[in-house]
Structure formats: C-alpha cells, structure tokens
C-alpha cells in the first residue's frame, strides 16, 4: 500500500512538472525536416532487395553475414533453394521475406516519416496533418527492382549456378537487373518461455488478502543484419545491425487466452526494426519543434502575438511579413531576429537563418540562440549530404510587398454590437454619403487610414469604406 501511494505521488509530481513546463512554453512551429541516410550511396539510382534469410533458435546466437564475394554469391544462390523449399513447408512463416516486403514498402514512400502532429494541451487535441516546408525534398531516392523481375532472373540462372558461384556472381546479377547495388541480410531471433508466480491482493471479508497466481511469459529478441553490396565490384558498401526485444506475460484470470503467438511477436519487432533499416538506406523526415521568442516591446507586442499565432498554424509566409515589418522598424530587437532565423531555418534557408541567429546572439547572449546556431550548422551538413544523393533543398523566397507590410502593422477595429446587428459603412467620411455595405457586429477590420472621426477600413473583396469611431473599438 505504501509503495502504491509513493508511485501515485511520483506520478502526480511528474504530471505537475509537465503542466508547468507546458504553461511556460511559448508558441511553437512543429514541422518536419529531412535527415540524410546513415549510409550515403552516391550515384546509386536502382537497387535490388533480396529476400533476407531467417534463423531462429531457443538460445541466443550470433549469425554472421557473409563478407566475401563468394559468400555473397552463395547467399544469393540460397534464395533460389529457399523459394523451392517453401512449397514443402507452407505453414512456416518466412520472416525474412516479410521483412523484405516491409522494407520495400518503406523505401518507395516519397514522404517517409511525415505523419500527424499532436496538438492541444499535452498533445491531447485532435491533431493535424504533418508538413515539411523544405521544397525539393523527398525520400524515395531509389528505383526498386520489381520482385517478379528479380525472381525471374535468379531462376534463369539456376541451371548455370554451379559455374557462377564465384567472385563475379553479384556483378553478373546486378548487370542483369540493371541495379547498382544489392540489399540483403539476415533475420535471426531468440525466444524464451518462462513460468513464474505473481503475488496479488484481493478483498476478503473487508480485509486485504494476498494470494499467488501462476503466470507465464514469452520473450523474443529479433536481430536484423543488413548489407549493401556493389553490383559492379561485389564490395560491401555498408552494413547495419538492429535489434528489438519484446516480452509479453499472461496470468491465470487475465483477460484473453494464452500467450501471444511467437510469429506475431517476431513480426511486431520486425515492423519496428524496418524503419531503422530504411533510415540507414534512405533519407527520412523527422518532426522538429521550434519555440518562438515572445516580443516584449510594447509597440509591437500585439503584432508579435499575431505573427506567432500565424507561424504556429503553419502560415509561415504571413508570419514572415509581420516579423520582417517589425524588423524594418526595430532592427535591434533580438526576439524578432531570432524568429526570422527560425522561419528561414524551417524552409531550408540555412545561410539566412545563420545570419539572423548570429545578429540575435550579438544583441542578447542566450543559450537558445547558441543552440540554434549549432542546429543550423548541423543542418548545413545534412544539406551537403543530401546533395550527394541528388536532393537539393530549394531556397524559399519570402514575398514581402509594401502593401503587405503596411497591412502587417496596421490598426484593427472591431465593430460594436452582436453578430446579428448590422452597421452602415459609407463611401465618404460622412453619414450623408452612399452606403457601401452593412457589416455585422464583432467583426474586425484593418484600418487603412483615419480622417477625423472616421476610419477608412478594408472590406471583403478589396472594397473600402468609412465607418464612424463611435461604431467601433480600437484593437
């Protein structure tokens, strides 16, 4: 009981910390940026993915991937034999082939990694579709050899395989497939079942009574080893090992029947591993959160709030106009400089972002400004790596017209009254002139100019009209 209370106390404190940190956080831009793969393959446009082999054991074992050209050739040849043996064992799940299918599905996605973004307090909102502002980026950098074409070529070589199993086998296969690289590997797994007893508490005659139940658990460790082989030279360009462990338990009286199926648990691990393998081979998008700086200068505070709100709602270009307009009037405002740096960074204008971050740091030596500069330096390196595989992040041009800037800092007025009310808007600053339109209460309009007691406001559809000061509230 004491332990349960202690755990509840710790959970409550952690929740309070989360709430406190969330309350003090300012508006953020949450968007996706592209990261390069773990292995850069310059010049490779077309690849063939061979079925990964599968090894299972009740004891943990290390399965070594082939390292020589001949061993690679033998593994490729084993694919043919494995295909033939499958018909004899239709009940045996081929985890290697499953992984190959999952990997192929990952590698053909053009925006891999972009998903829905959590919104609202502590991420409990309805969410929204994720977005990247880095124009010219994509993740499907390889053309994948179709599986039926791969199988056909291997089968055609089966009769002559005895004479092909040498250092040149990978080269010959690659040439026949028109692929510059072969992706292959091994899926191995270790599983262990255990029995144990678990102590529980129940109410009996108004008292807490302890008792024990029989339980069983199943633990699975899955290891995937991947190699990228040059089809021109047979050279191994890169290799990667990823692991995932999963454990599930079941006790007497628990809902459901029996332990989870071993194949299902292995498959669950493979689906987690395959994303890591794909990230090693191709670029992927990663969610980044950029917290904006709150503008405290009284003259621009409300405009800064508007810009931050627009940016948080991913209206980047509209936010930029406001920040740029404030910057033109207050060039020594570090918060504005920092926010302009963020907007340049999220669209991939890294040199511009670096310029604004450095100016902000000169005016105000803050830790987050230093971190921003370090982040941009890393992004520049990412961009250089992406360029090697044919991905050029296009420079984003923010359009800032004089008209847009004039509107950015223009005053706003709110029509008095309720939505169902209507207020006259005149063609001239006098109530004897023609009525242009009648507008509902509670709406806000941009002020174009003020003439005496009259405001010239911008109406829908590009129209303009005059409204008396008694009919509005200044915002």
Protein backbone atom coordinates (compact mmCIF):
# COMPACT_ATOMS: atom_id res chain seq x y z
CA UNK A 1 0.00 0.00 0.00
CA UNK A 2 2.85 2.37 0.89
CA UNK A 3 4.54 1.58 -2.42
CA UNK A 4 1.34 2.30 -4.34
CA UNK A 5 0.97 5.67 -2.60
CA UNK A 6 4.60 6.52 -3.33
CA UNK A 7 4.13 5.65 -7.03
CA UNK A 8 0.97 7.80 -7.13
CA UNK A 9 2.88 10.71 -5.57
CA UNK A 10 5.71 10.43 -8.11
CA UNK A 11 3.20 10.27 -10.99
CA UNK A 12 1.40 13.38 -9.68
CA UNK A 13 4.67 15.31 -9.36
CA UNK A 14 5.69 14.37 -12.91
CA UNK A 15 2.30 15.50 -14.19
CA UNK A 16 2.68 18.83 -12.39
CA UNK A 17 6.12 19.31 -13.95
CA UNK A 18 4.67 18.60 -17.40
CA UNK A 19 1.81 21.02 -16.88
CA UNK A 20 4.15 23.70 -15.53
CA UNK A 21 6.61 23.39 -18.43
CA UNK A 22 3.77 23.41 -20.95
CA UNK A 23 2.24 26.52 -19.35
CA UNK A 24 5.52 28.46 -19.60
CA UNK A 25 6.24 27.41 -23.20
CA UNK A 26 5.54 29.95 -25.92
CA UNK A 27 4.11 29.27 -29.36
CA UNK A 28 5.91 26.66 -31.44
CA UNK A 29 6.29 25.72 -35.08
CA UNK A 30 6.06 21.94 -35.43
CA UNK A 31 7.13 20.72 -38.84
CA UNK A 32 9.21 18.01 -40.48
CA UNK A 33 12.79 18.32 -41.70
CA UNK A 34 14.69 15.85 -43.88
CA UNK A 35 17.64 13.92 -42.48
CA UNK A 36 20.15 12.06 -44.69
CA UNK A 37 20.51 8.27 -44.51
CA UNK A 38 23.08 6.55 -42.34
CA UNK A 39 24.85 5.30 -45.46
CA UNK A 40 25.39 7.72 -48.37
CA UNK A 41 25.36 5.88 -51.71
CA UNK A 42 26.48 8.39 -54.33
CA UNK A 43 25.41 7.58 -57.87
CA UNK A 44 23.14 4.67 -56.89
CA UNK A 45 19.73 5.03 -58.52
CA UNK A 46 18.45 1.46 -58.82
CA UNK A 47 18.68 -1.31 -56.21
CA UNK A 48 17.53 -4.91 -55.84
CA UNK A 49 16.33 -6.16 -52.45
CA UNK A 50 16.93 -9.87 -51.98
CA UNK A 51 14.87 -11.87 -49.50
CA UNK A 52 16.53 -11.80 -46.10
CA UNK A 53 17.35 -15.25 -44.71
CA UNK A 54 15.76 -16.39 -41.42
CA UNK A 55 17.37 -18.16 -38.47
CA UNK A 56 15.53 -18.99 -35.27
CA UNK A 57 16.83 -20.51 -32.05
CA UNK A 58 15.79 -21.14 -28.46
CA UNK A 59 19.24 -19.96 -27.41
CA UNK A 60 20.67 -16.57 -28.27
CA UNK A 61 23.17 -16.88 -31.11
CA UNK A 62 25.14 -14.54 -33.34
CA UNK A 63 24.63 -15.10 -37.06
CA UNK A 64 27.40 -13.65 -39.18
CA UNK A 65 26.70 -12.06 -42.53
CA UNK A 66 28.88 -13.02 -45.49
CA UNK A 67 31.87 -10.77 -46.05
CA UNK A 68 33.48 -12.11 -49.18
CA UNK A 69 32.24 -12.03 -52.73
CA UNK A 70 31.97 -15.81 -52.86
CA UNK A 71 29.96 -16.00 -49.64
CA UNK A 72 27.65 -13.30 -51.03
CA UNK A 73 27.20 -15.38 -54.16
CA UNK A 74 26.33 -18.43 -52.05
CA UNK A 75 23.71 -16.46 -50.14
CA UNK A 76 22.14 -15.25 -53.38
CA UNK A 77 22.04 -18.81 -54.66
CA UNK A 78 20.39 -19.91 -51.41
CA UNK A 79 17.46 -17.64 -52.27
CA UNK A 80 16.58 -19.98 -55.16
CA UNK A 81 16.74 -23.04 -52.93
CA UNK A 82 14.66 -21.35 -50.28
CA UNK A 83 11.96 -20.45 -52.81
CA UNK A 84 11.76 -24.11 -53.85
CA UNK A 85 11.57 -25.39 -50.26
CA UNK A 86 8.74 -23.08 -49.24
CA UNK A 87 6.10 -25.09 -51.06
CA UNK A 88 7.08 -28.08 -48.92
CA UNK A 89 6.60 -26.13 -45.69
CA UNK A 90 3.62 -23.82 -46.31
CA UNK A 91 2.94 -23.47 -42.56
CA UNK A 92 6.36 -21.98 -41.77
CA UNK A 93 6.27 -18.18 -41.69
CA UNK A 94 9.13 -16.66 -43.69
CA UNK A 95 10.13 -13.68 -41.53
CA UNK A 96 12.96 -12.79 -43.89
CA UNK A 97 10.58 -12.45 -46.80
CA UNK A 98 8.17 -10.44 -44.64
CA UNK A 99 10.96 -8.03 -43.72
CA UNK A 100 11.85 -7.64 -47.40
CA UNK A 101 8.24 -6.73 -48.18
CA UNK A 102 8.08 -4.24 -45.30
CA UNK A 103 11.41 -2.69 -46.36
CA UNK A 104 10.30 -2.33 -49.97
CA UNK A 105 7.09 -0.60 -48.83
CA UNK A 106 9.16 1.83 -46.73
CA UNK A 107 11.67 2.66 -49.46
CA UNK A 108 9.08 3.56 -52.11
CA UNK A 109 7.41 6.23 -49.92
CA UNK A 110 8.18 9.76 -51.13
CA UNK A 111 7.47 11.50 -47.80
CA UNK A 112 8.51 8.79 -45.36
CA UNK A 113 8.36 9.92 -41.76
CA UNK A 114 5.75 12.63 -42.13
CA UNK A 115 2.71 11.86 -40.01
CA UNK A 116 0.07 13.53 -37.91
CA UNK A 117 1.20 16.04 -35.30
CA UNK A 118 -0.28 16.17 -31.81
CA UNK A 119 -1.98 19.42 -30.86
CA UNK A 120 -3.71 20.88 -27.83
CA UNK A 121 -2.81 20.75 -24.14
CA UNK A 122 -0.24 17.97 -23.51
CA UNK A 123 -0.86 16.76 -27.07
CA UNK A 124 -4.43 15.69 -26.32
CA UNK A 125 -6.00 17.70 -29.16
CA UNK A 126 -7.43 16.35 -32.39
CA UNK A 127 -4.07 16.69 -34.16
CA UNK A 128 -3.32 17.86 -37.69
CA UNK A 129 -1.59 16.64 -40.80
CA UNK A 130 2.18 17.00 -40.65
CA UNK A 131 4.02 19.20 -43.12
CA UNK A 132 7.53 19.96 -44.34
CA UNK A 133 8.49 23.35 -45.78
CA UNK A 134 11.72 22.11 -47.38
CA UNK A 135 10.90 22.35 -51.08
CA UNK A 136 12.59 19.89 -53.40
CA UNK A 137 12.97 17.14 -50.80
CA UNK A 138 11.80 13.52 -50.97
CA UNK A 139 12.71 10.11 -49.53
CA UNK A 140 12.24 7.61 -52.37
CA UNK A 141 15.75 8.06 -53.79
CA UNK A 142 15.97 4.52 -55.25
CA UNK A 143 14.15 2.76 -58.03
CA UNK A 144 13.43 -0.72 -56.65
CA UNK A 145 13.78 -3.75 -58.92
CA UNK A 146 10.37 -5.44 -59.07
CA UNK A 147 10.20 -8.72 -57.22
CA UNK A 148 8.93 -10.77 -60.16
CA UNK A 149 11.81 -9.50 -62.30
CA UNK A 150 14.30 -10.41 -59.58
CA UNK A 151 12.91 -13.93 -59.18
CA UNK A 152 12.84 -14.47 -62.93
CA UNK A 153 16.49 -13.54 -63.35
CA UNK A 154 17.60 -15.77 -60.44
CA UNK A 155 15.55 -18.70 -61.75
CA UNK A 156 17.02 -18.29 -65.23
CA UNK A 157 20.47 -18.66 -63.71
CA UNK A 158 19.65 -21.69 -61.58
CA UNK A 159 20.84 -24.31 -64.09
CA UNK A 160 24.13 -22.50 -64.60
CA UNK A 161 24.56 -21.61 -60.94
CA UNK A 162 27.38 -24.10 -60.38
CA UNK A 163 29.58 -22.18 -62.78
CA UNK A 164 28.53 -18.76 -61.48
CA UNK A 165 29.31 -19.18 -57.81
CA UNK A 166 32.46 -17.12 -57.81
CA UNK A 167 33.61 -13.57 -57.03
CA UNK A 168 31.75 -12.18 -60.07
CA UNK A 169 28.30 -13.56 -59.28
CA UNK A 170 26.97 -10.37 -57.64
CA UNK A 171 28.32 -8.32 -60.55
CA UNK A 172 26.61 -10.51 -63.14
CA UNK A 173 23.30 -10.49 -61.26
CA UNK A 174 23.45 -6.71 -60.83
CA UNK A 175 24.12 -6.22 -64.52
CA UNK A 176 21.18 -8.43 -65.48
CA UNK A 177 18.89 -6.45 -63.17
CA UNK A 178 20.26 -3.04 -64.11
CA UNK A 179 20.91 -2.37 -60.42
CA UNK A 180 23.97 -0.64 -58.99
CA UNK A 181 23.51 -2.18 -55.54
CA UNK A 182 22.07 -5.29 -53.90
CA UNK A 183 20.47 -5.12 -50.44
CA UNK A 184 20.45 -8.37 -48.49
CA UNK A 185 20.64 -9.60 -44.96
CA UNK A 186 19.61 -11.92 -42.19
CA UNK A 187 16.75 -12.09 -39.69
CA UNK A 188 17.60 -14.05 -36.55
CA UNK A 189 15.54 -14.44 -33.41
CA UNK A 190 15.83 -15.89 -29.95
CA UNK A 191 12.78 -16.84 -27.90
CA UNK A 192 12.38 -17.94 -24.31
CA UNK A 193 9.28 -19.02 -22.38
CA UNK A 194 9.21 -18.85 -18.57
CA UNK A 195 6.82 -19.79 -15.80
CA UNK A 196 6.56 -17.89 -12.52
CA UNK A 197 4.16 -16.83 -9.78
CA UNK A 198 2.86 -13.32 -9.16
CA UNK A 199 1.60 -12.02 -5.82
CA UNK A 200 -1.71 -10.17 -5.88
CA UNK A 201 -4.14 -8.64 -3.37
CA UNK A 202 -7.92 -9.07 -3.10
CA UNK A 203 -10.63 -8.00 -0.70
CA UNK A 204 -11.97 -10.77 1.50
CA UNK A 205 -14.27 -10.17 4.47
CA UNK A 206 -13.32 -6.50 4.39
CA UNK A 207 -9.60 -7.22 4.55
CA UNK A 208 -6.78 -7.21 2.00
CA UNK A 209 -5.68 -10.79 1.41
CA UNK A 210 -2.56 -11.70 -0.52
CA UNK A 211 -2.52 -14.68 -2.87
CA UNK A 212 -0.41 -16.02 -5.74
CA UNK A 213 -1.35 -16.84 -9.33
CA UNK A 214 0.52 -18.87 -11.94
CA UNK A 215 1.89 -16.89 -14.84
CA UNK A 216 3.92 -17.46 -17.95
CA UNK A 217 5.93 -15.08 -20.11
CA UNK A 218 7.42 -15.14 -23.56
CA UNK A 219 10.41 -13.03 -24.52
CA UNK A 220 11.58 -12.55 -28.09
CA UNK A 221 14.73 -10.82 -29.28
CA UNK A 222 14.90 -10.14 -33.01
CA UNK A 223 18.09 -9.09 -34.75
CA UNK A 224 18.27 -7.87 -38.36
CA UNK A 225 21.60 -7.55 -40.13
CA UNK A 226 21.65 -5.67 -43.42
CA UNK A 227 24.34 -5.34 -46.07
CA UNK A 228 24.61 -3.13 -49.14
CA UNK A 229 26.71 -4.74 -51.86
CA UNK A 230 28.06 -3.10 -55.01
CA UNK A 231 26.83 -5.00 -58.06
CA UNK A 232 29.82 -3.70 -60.01
CA UNK A 233 32.62 -4.89 -57.72
CA UNK A 234 30.99 -7.16 -55.13
CA UNK A 235 32.35 -4.82 -52.47
CA UNK A 236 30.33 -4.40 -49.28
CA UNK A 237 29.50 -0.68 -49.11
CA UNK A 238 27.91 -0.77 -45.70
CA UNK A 239 26.34 -2.96 -43.02
CA UNK A 240 23.97 -2.31 -40.15
CA UNK A 241 22.59 -4.36 -37.27
CA UNK A 242 19.35 -3.50 -35.47
CA UNK A 243 17.69 -5.29 -32.57
CA UNK A 244 14.33 -5.23 -30.87
CA UNK A 245 13.16 -7.10 -27.76
CA UNK A 246 9.55 -7.81 -26.86
CA UNK A 247 8.19 -9.51 -23.74
CA UNK A 248 4.59 -10.44 -23.00
CA UNK A 249 3.05 -12.14 -19.99
CA UNK A 250 -0.20 -13.90 -19.15
CA UNK A 251 -1.50 -14.91 -15.72
CA UNK A 252 -4.40 -17.00 -14.52
CA UNK A 253 -7.57 -14.96 -14.53
CA UNK A 254 -6.29 -12.39 -17.02
CA UNK A 255 -8.46 -11.45 -19.99
CA UNK A 256 -7.75 -13.35 -23.20
CA UNK A 257 -6.40 -16.79 -23.88
CA UNK A 258 -2.77 -17.87 -23.70
CA UNK A 259 0.45 -16.15 -24.61
CA UNK A 260 0.87 -14.14 -27.79
CA UNK A 261 1.83 -16.17 -30.84
CA UNK A 262 5.60 -16.31 -31.41
CA UNK A 263 5.33 -15.38 -35.10
CA UNK A 264 3.14 -12.39 -34.25
CA UNK A 265 5.68 -11.16 -31.70
CA UNK A 266 8.53 -11.54 -34.18
CA UNK A 267 6.50 -9.67 -36.78
CA UNK A 268 5.80 -6.86 -34.29
CA UNK A 269 9.54 -6.50 -33.71
CA UNK A 270 10.28 -6.52 -37.44
CA UNK A 271 7.84 -3.67 -38.07
CA UNK A 272 9.77 -1.54 -35.56
CA UNK A 273 13.16 -2.55 -36.91
CA UNK A 274 12.32 -1.96 -40.57
CA UNK A 275 12.01 1.81 -40.07
CA UNK A 276 15.54 1.91 -38.63
CA UNK A 277 16.86 -0.13 -41.56
CA UNK A 278 15.10 2.17 -44.02
CA UNK A 279 16.62 5.21 -42.26
CA UNK A 280 20.05 3.66 -42.79
CA UNK A 281 19.42 3.30 -46.52
CA UNK A 282 17.37 6.37 -47.44
CA UNK A 283 16.54 9.85 -46.04
CA UNK A 284 13.63 10.30 -43.67
CA UNK A 285 11.61 13.18 -42.27
CA UNK A 286 11.85 13.95 -38.56
CA UNK A 287 9.48 16.13 -36.53
CA UNK A 288 11.18 19.26 -35.19
CA UNK A 289 9.70 21.78 -32.77
CA UNK A 290 10.86 25.42 -32.88
CA UNK A 291 9.78 27.61 -29.97
CA UNK A 292 9.42 31.25 -30.99
CA UNK A 293 10.59 34.18 -28.89
CA UNK A 294 7.93 36.40 -27.37
CA UNK A 295 8.22 40.05 -28.41
CA UNK A 296 8.06 42.27 -25.33
CA UNK A 297 8.46 45.72 -26.91
CA UNK A 298 5.11 47.35 -26.17
CA UNK A 299 4.77 48.99 -29.60
CA UNK A 300 4.99 45.64 -31.41
CA UNK A 301 3.73 43.20 -28.77
CA UNK A 302 0.27 42.61 -30.26
CA UNK A 303 1.70 42.29 -33.77
CA UNK A 304 4.26 39.81 -32.48
CA UNK A 305 1.46 37.73 -30.95
CA UNK A 306 -0.35 37.72 -34.28
CA UNK A 307 2.79 36.63 -36.13
CA UNK A 308 3.48 33.86 -33.62
CA UNK A 309 -0.09 32.62 -33.93
CA UNK A 310 0.20 32.53 -37.71
CA UNK A 311 3.52 30.69 -37.52
CA UNK A 312 2.15 28.14 -35.05
CA UNK A 313 -0.70 27.48 -37.52
CA UNK A 314 1.97 26.96 -40.23
CA UNK A 315 1.11 30.17 -42.09
CA UNK A 316 4.83 30.82 -42.44
CA UNK A 317 4.77 33.41 -45.20
CA UNK A 318 2.14 35.54 -43.47
CA UNK A 319 4.09 35.40 -40.20
CA UNK A 320 7.29 36.40 -42.01
CA UNK A 321 5.67 39.57 -43.39
CA UNK A 322 4.81 40.75 -39.87
CA UNK A 323 8.20 39.89 -38.36
CA UNK A 324 10.02 41.49 -41.30
CA UNK A 325 7.93 44.65 -40.95
CA UNK A 326 8.75 44.85 -37.23
CA UNK A 327 12.44 44.26 -38.05
CA UNK A 328 12.45 47.13 -40.56
CA UNK A 329 11.20 49.45 -37.80
CA UNK A 330 13.19 47.92 -34.91
CA UNK A 331 16.34 46.29 -36.32
CA UNK A 332 17.92 45.85 -32.86
CA UNK A 333 15.19 43.62 -31.49
CA UNK A 334 16.82 40.20 -30.73
CA UNK A 335 13.48 38.39 -30.41
CA UNK A 336 12.46 39.46 -33.92
CA UNK A 337 15.87 38.49 -35.31
CA UNK A 338 15.65 35.08 -33.68
CA UNK A 339 12.13 34.45 -35.01
CA UNK A 340 13.18 35.44 -38.53
CA UNK A 341 16.03 32.96 -38.17
CA UNK A 342 13.56 30.22 -37.25
CA UNK A 343 11.36 30.95 -40.27
CA UNK A 344 14.39 30.80 -42.58
CA UNK A 345 15.52 27.56 -40.95
CA UNK A 346 12.21 25.72 -41.29
CA UNK A 347 12.13 26.38 -45.05
CA UNK A 348 15.76 25.38 -45.54
CA UNK A 349 17.35 28.83 -46.00
CA UNK A 350 20.18 27.86 -43.65
CA UNK A 351 22.64 30.63 -44.55
CA UNK A 352 19.96 33.27 -43.89
CA UNK A 353 18.98 31.55 -40.64
CA UNK A 354 22.61 31.57 -39.54
CA UNK A 355 22.83 35.30 -40.30
CA UNK A 356 19.79 36.21 -38.22
CA UNK A 357 20.75 33.91 -35.31
CA UNK A 358 24.20 35.49 -35.13
CA UNK A 359 22.72 39.01 -35.02
CA UNK A 360 20.30 37.94 -32.27
CA UNK A 361 23.16 36.45 -30.23
CA UNK A 362 25.22 39.64 -30.61
CA UNK A 363 22.41 41.60 -29.02
CA UNK A 364 21.42 39.05 -26.40
CA UNK A 365 23.67 36.19 -25.34
CA UNK A 366 21.10 33.48 -24.68
CA UNK A 367 21.61 29.73 -24.56
CA UNK A 368 18.84 29.03 -27.05
CA UNK A 369 20.46 31.35 -29.60
CA UNK A 370 23.68 29.37 -29.32
CA UNK A 371 21.76 26.10 -29.69
CA UNK A 372 20.04 27.50 -32.78
CA UNK A 373 23.44 28.24 -34.37
CA UNK A 374 24.63 24.71 -33.58
CA UNK A 375 21.43 23.29 -35.06
CA UNK A 376 21.86 25.28 -38.28
CA UNK A 377 25.46 24.10 -38.59
CA UNK A 378 24.20 20.53 -38.35
CA UNK A 379 21.50 21.25 -40.95
CA UNK A 380 24.11 22.64 -43.36
CA UNK A 381 26.00 19.36 -43.05
CA UNK A 382 22.73 17.47 -43.64
CA UNK A 383 22.05 19.52 -46.78
CA UNK A 384 25.53 18.75 -48.12
CA UNK A 385 24.99 15.02 -47.52
CA UNK A 386 21.57 15.13 -49.20
CA UNK A 387 23.06 16.89 -52.23
CA UNK A 388 25.36 13.88 -52.75
CA UNK A 389 22.33 11.67 -53.34
CA UNK A 390 20.53 14.11 -55.63
CA UNK A 391 18.37 16.06 -53.18
CA UNK A 392 18.76 19.84 -53.36
CA UNK A 393 16.76 21.88 -50.85
CA UNK A 394 15.35 24.78 -52.86
CA UNK A 395 15.72 28.26 -51.44
CA UNK A 396 12.40 29.65 -50.30
CA UNK A 397 11.59 33.18 -51.38
CA UNK A 398 9.50 35.15 -48.89
CA UNK A 399 7.43 37.72 -50.76
CA UNK A 400 7.20 40.98 -48.82
CA UNK A 401 5.42 43.78 -50.68
CA UNK A 402 4.97 47.35 -49.44
CA UNK A 403 1.21 46.82 -49.35
CA UNK A 404 1.59 43.67 -47.27
CA UNK A 405 3.95 45.44 -44.86
CA UNK A 406 1.56 48.36 -44.49
CA UNK A 407 -1.21 45.95 -43.57
CA UNK A 408 1.01 43.97 -41.20
CA UNK A 409 1.25 46.75 -38.62
CA UNK A 410 -2.00 48.48 -39.48
CA UNK A 411 -4.52 49.15 -36.74
CA UNK A 412 -7.55 46.96 -36.37
CA UNK A 413 -11.04 47.97 -35.32
CA UNK A 414 -13.82 45.77 -34.01
CA UNK A 415 -17.41 46.55 -34.90
CA UNK A 416 -19.58 47.17 -31.84
CA UNK A 417 -22.71 45.13 -31.33
CA UNK A 418 -23.62 41.50 -31.90
CA UNK A 419 -23.28 39.27 -34.94
CA UNK A 420 -26.93 39.69 -35.81
CA UNK A 421 -26.59 43.50 -35.77
CA UNK A 422 -25.61 45.48 -38.89
CA UNK A 423 -23.66 48.75 -39.08
CA UNK A 424 -23.55 51.06 -42.10
CA UNK A 425 -20.27 51.64 -43.95
CA UNK A 426 -20.21 54.79 -46.13
CA UNK A 427 -18.43 55.75 -49.35
CA UNK A 428 -17.22 59.05 -47.80
CA UNK A 429 -16.43 60.19 -44.21
CA UNK A 430 -19.99 61.45 -43.72
CA UNK A 431 -23.25 59.70 -42.93
CA UNK A 432 -24.98 61.53 -45.78
CA UNK A 433 -22.91 59.71 -48.42
CA UNK A 434 -23.87 56.44 -50.09
CA UNK A 435 -23.86 53.25 -48.01
CA UNK A 436 -21.28 50.85 -49.41
CA UNK A 437 -22.35 47.87 -47.30
CA UNK A 438 -23.62 46.91 -43.85
CA UNK A 439 -21.29 44.82 -41.64
CA UNK A 440 -22.11 42.56 -38.63
CA UNK A 441 -21.02 43.34 -35.12
CA UNK A 442 -17.98 41.66 -33.51
CA UNK A 443 -16.02 41.50 -36.80
CA UNK A 444 -12.53 43.04 -37.08
CA UNK A 445 -11.31 45.13 -39.99
CA UNK A 446 -7.95 46.58 -40.99
CA UNK A 447 -7.72 50.38 -40.81
CA UNK A 448 -6.29 51.93 -43.97
CA UNK A 449 -6.34 55.49 -42.66
CA UNK A 450 -8.12 57.80 -40.22
CA UNK A 451 -9.84 61.03 -41.21
CA UNK A 452 -11.16 62.98 -38.24
CA UNK A 453 -13.78 60.85 -36.51
CA UNK A 454 -13.90 58.35 -39.38
CA UNK A 455 -11.92 55.21 -40.17
CA UNK A 456 -11.33 54.01 -43.73
CA UNK A 457 -11.46 50.21 -43.42
CA UNK A 458 -10.72 47.37 -45.81
CA UNK A 459 -13.80 45.31 -46.64
CA UNK A 460 -14.21 41.90 -48.22
CA UNK A 461 -13.47 41.60 -51.92
CA UNK A 462 -10.99 44.51 -51.89
CA UNK A 463 -13.65 47.13 -51.19
CA UNK A 464 -13.16 50.11 -48.87
CA UNK A 465 -15.50 52.21 -46.81
CA UNK A 466 -15.78 54.71 -43.94
CA UNK A 467 -17.16 53.91 -40.50
CA UNK A 468 -17.62 56.34 -37.58
CA UNK A 469 -15.42 55.91 -34.48
CA UNK A 470 -18.50 55.53 -32.25
CA UNK A 471 -19.37 52.30 -34.07
CA UNK A 472 -16.01 50.56 -33.41
CA UNK A 473 -13.47 49.63 -30.77
CA UNK A 474 -9.75 50.00 -31.44
CA UNK A 475 -7.77 46.77 -31.11
